[in-house]
Amino acid sequence: MEWVETTGRSVDAAKELALDQLGVAADEAEFEVVEEPRPGLFGRLRGEARVRARVRPTAVRPKQDRRRSKRDRAGAPPTSATSAPSEDPALPADEPAPAERPTRADANAERAPDRRPPRTTPSLSPAVPGVSMIDERETGPAPTTEEVSRAAEEFVRGLTQSFGVEAEVTSVVEEQEIDVSARGDSLGLLIGPGGRTLLAIQDLARVAAQRRLGDHQTRLRIDVAGYREKRRAALERFAASVAEQVRTSGVARALDPMPSADRKVIHDALAELDGVSSRSEGEDPDRRIVVAPG
């Protein structure tokens, strides 16, 4: 993801503008402070703060070995020296339980080096046909944007099949931006109230691609039944209506809290209108836009 550069009266104000441009929350971005305001007379600040920001790459979680030994599966207590103390109140605190007393075989096993290769267990995959979240790439070059796009398409296609609906899944790649779209009938269940289910599917598709291909620098967006375009058009009409009210009354108006992606659409729409300005206030998930005259 490319860096964006913003300015503001303070570093925090510049960071807020950068978050609105990126369309992400604060914990999903990383910042570089290029310039800070300089102290002037009487404690006032001179100049503006300048900040560079980009979407933080999501790290792939390491695999965990969830297999247990035959002795553990049989219910026998471990014989390691680091085993938990017995909870039997009849035994002293420093006296191991009879089943935990080390044997000669155990002592020999501890002295002998373990020459067996370590066992690894792949991550569990979701119950979606044709979709795997298993780590398939341990080392090697970073995946290309086209590879991430194909993995995301496969995930969305398998998801629609598991829901029992037919959909045409396509994608458009532009530099590091990937837009995956699913079109068809009866896809409302994949959108959910206010698009919340769609946002969850987008997060899952991103994680599935990372678990399969490794970490990457792409920006992935998922759309279902043209919902995002319809949502953008509705938000732009809403922004125009609010701007007219603010211009007529001369009084600033605070909007209801909304996700970062919706805030970005509102900011972009208001920037094209005369006589009004906008800013974001508060912290997610209660962060909101304030539309003011000017």
Foldseek 3Di string as FASTA:
>chain_A
DDKDKAKDAAPVQRVQVRLLQALAAPVQKDKDWPDGFPADPPRDTHDITMMIMDGDWDAADDADAPDDDPCVVVVQFDQDPPGDADPPVVDDRPDHDPSNDDDPVNVVVVVDDDPDDDDGDWDDADPFPQAGLTQPDDDDDADDLVLLQVNLQSLVCSVCVVVVFDWDWDWDDDHQEIEIETADPPCVVCQDVVRPSLVVSQVVSVSSSCSHGNIDDHHYHYYYNCVVVVLLVVLLVVLVVQQVVCQVVQAKDKDFFDRSNSSSSSQVSVVVDPQKHKGWDDHPPRITIIIGGD
